[in-house]
Amino acid sequence: AVVSTQSTGAQEAVLQQFNKLRQEQRMIAQKVSELKVDESEHRLVLEALDEAKDPKRKCYQLVGGVLVERTVEQVKPNLKNNSDKISALISSLDKNLNSKEKELIDFKEKHGIKVKGEDAVDSGQKKEDSKPSGVLYLN
């Protein structure tokens, strides 16, 4: 049961805002994860290209869904540039993620929101056998 001095409509609005913040946080985290995979793939390809002794050696690059024949010396600079941009974007999104996490924590504290199973301490005792249920309630 929800016990609060707020009206039901206000509680719903608070919960909707909270869920929106959580969804934004999850989207940022998912994008960071995707970009880290891309960064890893770029690194692997760059390592493989570094092993190529002849800079004129043929290689193939996927450009807009079309496989294009190029040389190692043509592909490496662009690949390195893309890898650097991905790393910078990951760094930027990590900062956004940290900011969103802080915003979410502040919002939870401001509105007295608790996620059942999220807090390990309840009345000074640890709940070791409880499983997260994802149930929200307001104080």
N, C-alpha and C. Protein backbone atom coordinates (compact mmCIF):
# COMPACT_ATOMS: atom_id res chain seq x y z
N ALA A 1 0.84 -1.19 0.00
CA ALA A 1 0.00 0.00 0.00
C ALA A 1 0.88 1.24 0.00
N VAL A 2 0.41 2.25 -0.67
CA VAL A 2 1.14 3.51 -0.75
C VAL A 2 0.62 4.41 0.35
N VAL A 3 1.51 4.82 1.24
CA VAL A 3 1.13 5.71 2.33
C VAL A 3 1.87 7.02 2.10
N SER A 4 1.11 8.08 1.89
CA SER A 4 1.73 9.37 1.62
C SER A 4 0.74 10.48 1.86
N THR A 5 1.27 11.68 1.99
CA THR A 5 0.41 12.85 2.14
C THR A 5 0.03 13.41 0.78
N GLN A 6 0.63 12.88 -0.29
CA GLN A 6 0.34 13.36 -1.64
C GLN A 6 -0.93 12.71 -2.17
N SER A 7 -1.60 13.41 -3.08
CA SER A 7 -2.78 12.83 -3.71
C SER A 7 -2.36 11.73 -4.68
N THR A 8 -3.29 10.89 -5.05
CA THR A 8 -2.99 9.77 -5.95
C THR A 8 -2.49 10.29 -7.30
N GLY A 9 -3.07 11.36 -7.78
CA GLY A 9 -2.64 11.94 -9.06
C GLY A 9 -1.21 12.45 -8.98
N ALA A 10 -0.87 13.08 -7.88
CA ALA A 10 0.50 13.60 -7.71
C ALA A 10 1.48 12.44 -7.59
N GLN A 11 1.07 11.37 -6.90
CA GLN A 11 1.92 10.20 -6.79
C GLN A 11 2.19 9.57 -8.15
N GLU A 12 1.14 9.48 -8.94
CA GLU A 12 1.29 8.92 -10.29
C GLU A 12 2.25 9.77 -11.12
N ALA A 13 2.13 11.08 -11.01
CA ALA A 13 3.02 11.98 -11.76
C ALA A 13 4.47 11.80 -11.32
N VAL A 14 4.69 11.66 -10.02
CA VAL A 14 6.04 11.46 -9.49
C VAL A 14 6.60 10.13 -9.99
N LEU A 15 5.79 9.08 -9.93
CA LEU A 15 6.24 7.77 -10.39
C LEU A 15 6.52 7.78 -11.89
N GLN A 16 5.70 8.48 -12.65
CA GLN A 16 5.95 8.58 -14.10
C GLN A 16 7.27 9.29 -14.37
N GLN A 17 7.51 10.37 -13.65
CA GLN A 17 8.77 11.10 -13.82
C GLN A 17 9.95 10.22 -13.42
N PHE A 18 9.81 9.47 -12.31
CA PHE A 18 10.86 8.58 -11.86
C PHE A 18 11.14 7.50 -12.91
N ASN A 19 10.09 6.90 -13.43
CA ASN A 19 10.26 5.86 -14.45
C ASN A 19 10.88 6.42 -15.72
N LYS A 20 10.54 7.66 -16.04
CA LYS A 20 11.14 8.32 -17.22
C LYS A 20 12.64 8.50 -17.01
N LEU A 21 13.04 8.94 -15.81
CA LEU A 21 14.47 9.11 -15.50
C LEU A 21 15.20 7.78 -15.57
N ARG A 22 14.58 6.73 -15.01
CA ARG A 22 15.20 5.40 -15.07
C ARG A 22 15.35 4.91 -16.50
N GLN A 23 14.34 5.16 -17.33
CA GLN A 23 14.41 4.75 -18.73
C GLN A 23 15.52 5.50 -19.46
N GLU A 24 15.66 6.80 -19.20
CA GLU A 24 16.73 7.58 -19.81
C GLU A 24 18.10 7.04 -19.39
N GLN A 25 18.22 6.69 -18.10
CA GLN A 25 19.47 6.14 -17.59
C GLN A 25 19.78 4.82 -18.29
N ARG A 26 18.79 3.98 -18.43
CA ARG A 26 19.00 2.68 -19.10
C ARG A 26 19.39 2.86 -20.57
N MET A 27 18.77 3.83 -21.24
CA MET A 27 19.09 4.07 -22.65
C MET A 27 20.54 4.52 -22.80
N ILE A 28 20.99 5.40 -21.92
CA ILE A 28 22.38 5.86 -21.97
C ILE A 28 23.32 4.69 -21.72
N ALA A 29 23.02 3.88 -20.71
CA ALA A 29 23.86 2.73 -20.39
C ALA A 29 23.91 1.75 -21.56
N GLN A 30 22.79 1.54 -22.22
CA GLN A 30 22.75 0.63 -23.37
C GLN A 30 23.60 1.18 -24.52
N LYS A 31 23.52 2.47 -24.75
CA LYS A 31 24.31 3.08 -25.83
C LYS A 31 25.80 2.98 -25.52
N VAL A 32 26.18 3.21 -24.26
CA VAL A 32 27.58 3.08 -23.86
C VAL A 32 28.06 1.66 -24.12
N SER A 33 27.23 0.70 -23.78
CA SER A 33 27.59 -0.70 -24.00
C SER A 33 27.79 -1.01 -25.48
N GLU A 34 26.89 -0.53 -26.32
CA GLU A 34 27.01 -0.73 -27.77
C GLU A 34 28.29 -0.09 -28.31
N LEU A 35 28.57 1.12 -27.85
CA LEU A 35 29.75 1.82 -28.32
C LEU A 35 31.04 1.14 -27.87
N LYS A 36 31.02 0.54 -26.69
CA LYS A 36 32.21 -0.18 -26.22
C LYS A 36 32.48 -1.39 -27.09
N VAL A 37 31.43 -2.05 -27.57
CA VAL A 37 31.60 -3.16 -28.50
C VAL A 37 32.20 -2.65 -29.81
N ASP A 38 31.67 -1.54 -30.32
CA ASP A 38 32.21 -0.95 -31.56
C ASP A 38 33.67 -0.56 -31.39
N GLU A 39 33.99 0.03 -30.24
CA GLU A 39 35.37 0.44 -29.96
C GLU A 39 36.29 -0.78 -29.96
N SER A 40 35.84 -1.85 -29.36
CA SER A 40 36.63 -3.09 -29.32
C SER A 40 36.85 -3.65 -30.73
N GLU A 41 35.79 -3.63 -31.54
CA GLU A 41 35.92 -4.11 -32.92
C GLU A 41 36.89 -3.24 -33.72
N HIS A 42 36.82 -1.94 -33.54
CA HIS A 42 37.75 -1.04 -34.23
C HIS A 42 39.18 -1.35 -33.82
N ARG A 43 39.38 -1.57 -32.52
CA ARG A 43 40.72 -1.86 -32.01
C ARG A 43 41.26 -3.15 -32.64
N LEU A 44 40.42 -4.18 -32.72
CA LEU A 44 40.84 -5.45 -33.32
C LEU A 44 41.24 -5.28 -34.79
N VAL A 45 40.45 -4.52 -35.52
CA VAL A 45 40.75 -4.30 -36.94
C VAL A 45 42.04 -3.50 -37.09
N LEU A 46 42.21 -2.48 -36.26
CA LEU A 46 43.44 -1.69 -36.32
C LEU A 46 44.66 -2.55 -36.01
N GLU A 47 44.54 -3.45 -35.03
CA GLU A 47 45.65 -4.36 -34.72
C GLU A 47 45.96 -5.27 -35.90
N ALA A 48 44.93 -5.75 -36.58
CA ALA A 48 45.13 -6.60 -37.75
C ALA A 48 45.80 -5.82 -38.87
N LEU A 49 45.39 -4.57 -39.05
CA LEU A 49 46.00 -3.74 -40.10
C LEU A 49 47.44 -3.38 -39.76
N ASP A 50 47.74 -3.26 -38.47
CA ASP A 50 49.12 -2.98 -38.06
C ASP A 50 50.05 -4.14 -38.42
N GLU A 51 49.51 -5.34 -38.44
CA GLU A 51 50.31 -6.51 -38.78
C GLU A 51 50.60 -6.61 -40.28
N ALA A 52 49.84 -5.89 -41.07
CA ALA A 52 50.07 -5.91 -42.52
C ALA A 52 51.36 -5.13 -42.81
N LYS A 53 52.33 -5.82 -43.38
CA LYS A 53 53.63 -5.19 -43.62
C LYS A 53 53.61 -4.24 -44.82
N ASP A 54 52.77 -4.53 -45.78
CA ASP A 54 52.70 -3.72 -47.00
C ASP A 54 51.51 -2.75 -46.92
N PRO A 55 51.79 -1.43 -46.85
CA PRO A 55 50.69 -0.47 -46.78
C PRO A 55 49.84 -0.43 -48.06
N LYS A 56 50.34 -1.00 -49.13
CA LYS A 56 49.59 -1.04 -50.40
C LYS A 56 48.72 -2.29 -50.50
N ARG A 57 48.76 -3.12 -49.46
CA ARG A 57 47.99 -4.36 -49.48
C ARG A 57 46.49 -4.05 -49.54
N LYS A 58 45.77 -4.88 -50.30
CA LYS A 58 44.34 -4.68 -50.45
C LYS A 58 43.63 -5.04 -49.15
N CYS A 59 42.59 -4.28 -48.86
CA CYS A 59 41.67 -4.62 -47.79
C CYS A 59 40.30 -4.12 -48.21
N TYR A 60 39.29 -4.54 -47.52
CA TYR A 60 37.92 -4.18 -47.88
C TYR A 60 37.26 -3.48 -46.71
N GLN A 61 36.49 -2.46 -47.07
CA GLN A 61 35.81 -1.66 -46.06
C GLN A 61 34.34 -1.57 -46.43
N LEU A 62 33.48 -1.74 -45.44
CA LEU A 62 32.05 -1.62 -45.65
C LEU A 62 31.68 -0.15 -45.53
N VAL A 63 31.21 0.43 -46.64
CA VAL A 63 30.85 1.85 -46.67
C VAL A 63 29.39 1.94 -47.12
N GLY A 64 28.53 2.34 -46.21
CA GLY A 64 27.11 2.50 -46.55
C GLY A 64 26.48 1.22 -47.08
N GLY A 65 26.87 0.09 -46.54
CA GLY A 65 26.30 -1.18 -46.97
C GLY A 65 26.95 -1.78 -48.21
N VAL A 66 27.98 -1.09 -48.74
CA VAL A 66 28.68 -1.58 -49.93
C VAL A 66 30.12 -1.90 -49.55
N LEU A 67 30.59 -3.07 -49.95
CA LEU A 67 31.97 -3.47 -49.68
C LEU A 67 32.87 -2.83 -50.73
N VAL A 68 33.83 -2.03 -50.27
CA VAL A 68 34.70 -1.26 -51.16
C VAL A 68 36.13 -1.74 -50.99
N GLU A 69 36.82 -1.95 -52.13
CA GLU A 69 38.21 -2.36 -52.09
C GLU A 69 39.08 -1.12 -51.90
N ARG A 70 39.96 -1.18 -50.92
CA ARG A 70 40.88 -0.08 -50.64
C ARG A 70 42.23 -0.67 -50.28
N THR A 71 43.15 0.20 -49.87
CA THR A 71 44.45 -0.27 -49.39
C THR A 71 44.52 0.00 -47.89
N VAL A 72 45.46 -0.67 -47.24
CA VAL A 72 45.63 -0.51 -45.79
C VAL A 72 45.91 0.96 -45.46
N GLU A 73 46.76 1.60 -46.26
CA GLU A 73 47.10 3.00 -45.97
C GLU A 73 45.91 3.95 -46.14
N GLN A 74 44.92 3.57 -46.94
CA GLN A 74 43.72 4.39 -47.09
C GLN A 74 42.75 4.19 -45.93
N VAL A 75 42.68 2.98 -45.44
CA VAL A 75 41.68 2.63 -44.44
C VAL A 75 42.12 3.01 -43.02
N LYS A 76 43.39 2.80 -42.71
CA LYS A 76 43.87 2.99 -41.33
C LYS A 76 43.58 4.38 -40.74
N PRO A 77 43.87 5.47 -41.45
CA PRO A 77 43.61 6.79 -40.85
C PRO A 77 42.13 7.02 -40.52
N ASN A 78 41.26 6.61 -41.44
CA ASN A 78 39.82 6.78 -41.19
C ASN A 78 39.35 5.93 -40.02
N LEU A 79 39.86 4.72 -39.96
CA LEU A 79 39.49 3.81 -38.89
C LEU A 79 39.98 4.33 -37.53
N LYS A 80 41.19 4.84 -37.52
CA LYS A 80 41.76 5.42 -36.29
C LYS A 80 40.94 6.63 -35.85
N ASN A 81 40.57 7.48 -36.80
CA ASN A 81 39.76 8.66 -36.51
C ASN A 81 38.40 8.25 -35.93
N ASN A 82 37.76 7.25 -36.55
CA ASN A 82 36.47 6.77 -36.05
C ASN A 82 36.61 6.19 -34.65
N SER A 83 37.68 5.46 -34.42
CA SER A 83 37.92 4.86 -33.11
C SER A 83 38.09 5.95 -32.04
N ASP A 84 38.82 7.00 -32.38
CA ASP A 84 39.01 8.12 -31.44
C ASP A 84 37.68 8.82 -31.14
N LYS A 85 36.85 8.98 -32.16
CA LYS A 85 35.55 9.63 -31.96
C LYS A 85 34.64 8.76 -31.08
N ILE A 86 34.69 7.46 -31.29
CA ILE A 86 33.90 6.55 -30.46
C ILE A 86 34.35 6.63 -29.01
N SER A 87 35.66 6.66 -28.79
CA SER A 87 36.19 6.77 -27.42
C SER A 87 35.75 8.07 -26.75
N ALA A 88 35.78 9.16 -27.50
CA ALA A 88 35.35 10.45 -26.96
C ALA A 88 33.85 10.43 -26.64
N LEU A 89 33.08 9.80 -27.50
CA LEU A 89 31.64 9.71 -27.27
C LEU A 89 31.34 8.85 -26.04
N ILE A 90 32.07 7.77 -25.86
CA ILE A 90 31.90 6.92 -24.68
C ILE A 90 32.19 7.73 -23.42
N SER A 91 33.26 8.49 -23.45
CA SER A 91 33.63 9.32 -22.30
C SER A 91 32.52 10.32 -21.98
N SER A 92 32.00 10.95 -23.01
CA SER A 92 30.92 11.93 -22.83
C SER A 92 29.66 11.27 -22.28
N LEU A 93 29.30 10.11 -22.83
CA LEU A 93 28.11 9.41 -22.36
C LEU A 93 28.28 8.88 -20.94
N ASP A 94 29.51 8.50 -20.57
CA ASP A 94 29.77 8.07 -19.20
C ASP A 94 29.50 9.22 -18.23
N LYS A 95 29.90 10.43 -18.61
CA LYS A 95 29.63 11.60 -17.77
C LYS A 95 28.12 11.83 -17.67
N ASN A 96 27.42 11.70 -18.82
CA ASN A 96 25.96 11.86 -18.81
C ASN A 96 25.31 10.81 -17.92
N LEU A 97 25.82 9.58 -17.99
CA LEU A 97 25.27 8.49 -17.19
C LEU A 97 25.45 8.76 -15.70
N ASN A 98 26.64 9.23 -15.31
CA ASN A 98 26.89 9.57 -13.91
C ASN A 98 25.97 10.70 -13.44
N SER A 99 25.78 11.68 -14.30
CA SER A 99 24.90 12.80 -14.00
C SER A 99 23.46 12.32 -13.84
N LYS A 100 23.02 11.43 -14.73
CA LYS A 100 21.66 10.89 -14.68
C LYS A 100 21.46 10.05 -13.42
N GLU A 101 22.49 9.28 -13.03
CA GLU A 101 22.40 8.49 -11.80
C GLU A 101 22.23 9.39 -10.59
N LYS A 102 23.00 10.48 -10.55
CA LYS A 102 22.89 11.43 -9.44
C LYS A 102 21.51 12.08 -9.43
N GLU A 103 21.02 12.44 -10.60
CA GLU A 103 19.70 13.04 -10.71
C GLU A 103 18.62 12.07 -10.22
N LEU A 104 18.77 10.81 -10.56
CA LEU A 104 17.81 9.79 -10.14
C LEU A 104 17.83 9.59 -8.63
N ILE A 105 19.03 9.56 -8.04
CA ILE A 105 19.16 9.41 -6.59
C ILE A 105 18.54 10.62 -5.88
N ASP A 106 18.85 11.82 -6.38
CA ASP A 106 18.30 13.03 -5.78
C ASP A 106 16.77 13.03 -5.86
N PHE A 107 16.24 12.60 -7.00
CA PHE A 107 14.79 12.55 -7.20
C PHE A 107 14.14 11.56 -6.23
N LYS A 108 14.79 10.40 -6.07
CA LYS A 108 14.27 9.39 -5.13
C LYS A 108 14.24 9.93 -3.71
N GLU A 109 15.32 10.61 -3.31
CA GLU A 109 15.39 11.16 -1.96
C GLU A 109 14.37 12.28 -1.76
N LYS A 110 14.24 13.14 -2.75
CA LYS A 110 13.34 14.29 -2.66
C LYS A 110 11.89 13.83 -2.50
N HIS A 111 11.51 12.78 -3.23
CA HIS A 111 10.12 12.33 -3.24
C HIS A 111 9.88 11.10 -2.37
N GLY A 112 10.92 10.65 -1.67
CA GLY A 112 10.77 9.51 -0.77
C GLY A 112 10.42 8.21 -1.49
N ILE A 113 11.00 8.01 -2.66
CA ILE A 113 10.73 6.80 -3.45
C ILE A 113 11.71 5.72 -3.04
N LYS A 114 11.18 4.54 -2.82
CA LYS A 114 12.03 3.38 -2.53
C LYS A 114 11.65 2.28 -3.50
N VAL A 115 12.65 1.60 -4.01
CA VAL A 115 12.42 0.46 -4.89
C VAL A 115 12.59 -0.78 -4.04
N LYS A 116 11.52 -1.53 -3.89
CA LYS A 116 11.54 -2.71 -3.03
C LYS A 116 12.59 -3.69 -3.55
N GLY A 117 13.47 -4.14 -2.66
CA GLY A 117 14.52 -5.07 -3.03
C GLY A 117 15.81 -4.37 -3.44
N GLU A 118 15.77 -3.07 -3.67
CA GLU A 118 16.96 -2.32 -4.07
C GLU A 118 17.81 -1.96 -2.87
N ASP A 119 17.16 -1.56 -1.79
CA ASP A 119 17.88 -1.17 -0.58
C ASP A 119 18.17 -2.42 0.23
N ALA A 120 19.45 -2.64 0.56
CA ALA A 120 19.86 -3.84 1.30
C ALA A 120 19.64 -3.67 2.80
N VAL A 121 19.40 -2.45 3.25
CA VAL A 121 19.24 -2.21 4.68
C VAL A 121 17.81 -1.78 4.96
N ASP A 122 17.16 -2.50 5.90
CA ASP A 122 15.81 -2.18 6.29
C ASP A 122 15.74 -2.21 7.81
N SER A 123 15.55 -1.09 8.43
CA SER A 123 15.50 -0.98 9.89
C SER A 123 16.79 -1.48 10.54
N GLY A 124 17.91 -1.23 9.91
CA GLY A 124 19.20 -1.61 10.45
C GLY A 124 19.58 -3.06 10.22
N GLN A 125 18.74 -3.85 9.57
CA GLN A 125 19.06 -5.25 9.30
C GLN A 125 19.16 -5.46 7.80
N LYS A 126 20.09 -6.35 7.41
CA LYS A 126 20.25 -6.65 5.99
C LYS A 126 19.23 -7.69 5.58
N LYS A 127 18.66 -7.50 4.39
CA LYS A 127 17.73 -8.47 3.85
C LYS A 127 18.52 -9.33 2.85
N GLU A 128 19.06 -10.42 3.34
CA GLU A 128 19.92 -11.25 2.51
C GLU A 128 19.14 -12.19 1.62
N ASP A 129 17.93 -12.59 2.06
CA ASP A 129 17.19 -13.58 1.30
C ASP A 129 16.14 -12.95 0.39
N SER A 130 16.04 -11.62 0.36
CA SER A 130 15.04 -11.00 -0.50
C SER A 130 15.57 -10.86 -1.92
N LYS A 131 14.65 -11.00 -2.86
CA LYS A 131 15.00 -10.86 -4.27
C LYS A 131 14.42 -9.54 -4.77
N PRO A 132 15.14 -8.83 -5.67
CA PRO A 132 14.60 -7.59 -6.20
C PRO A 132 13.29 -7.86 -6.95
N SER A 133 12.29 -7.08 -6.65
CA SER A 133 11.00 -7.30 -7.30
C SER A 133 10.63 -6.14 -8.22
N GLY A 134 11.34 -5.01 -8.10
CA GLY A 134 11.06 -3.87 -8.96
C GLY A 134 9.77 -3.15 -8.59
N VAL A 135 9.30 -3.31 -7.36
CA VAL A 135 8.08 -2.65 -6.92
C VAL A 135 8.44 -1.29 -6.33
N LEU A 136 7.75 -0.26 -6.79
CA LEU A 136 7.99 1.10 -6.31
C LEU A 136 6.93 1.46 -5.30
N TYR A 137 7.33 2.20 -4.28
CA TYR A 137 6.35 2.76 -3.36
C TYR A 137 6.87 4.06 -2.81
N LEU A 138 5.95 4.94 -2.44
CA LEU A 138 6.29 6.26 -1.90
C LEU A 138 6.06 6.27 -0.41
N ASN A 139 6.88 7.02 0.30
CA ASN A 139 6.67 7.20 1.75
C ASN A 139 5.78 8.39 1.97
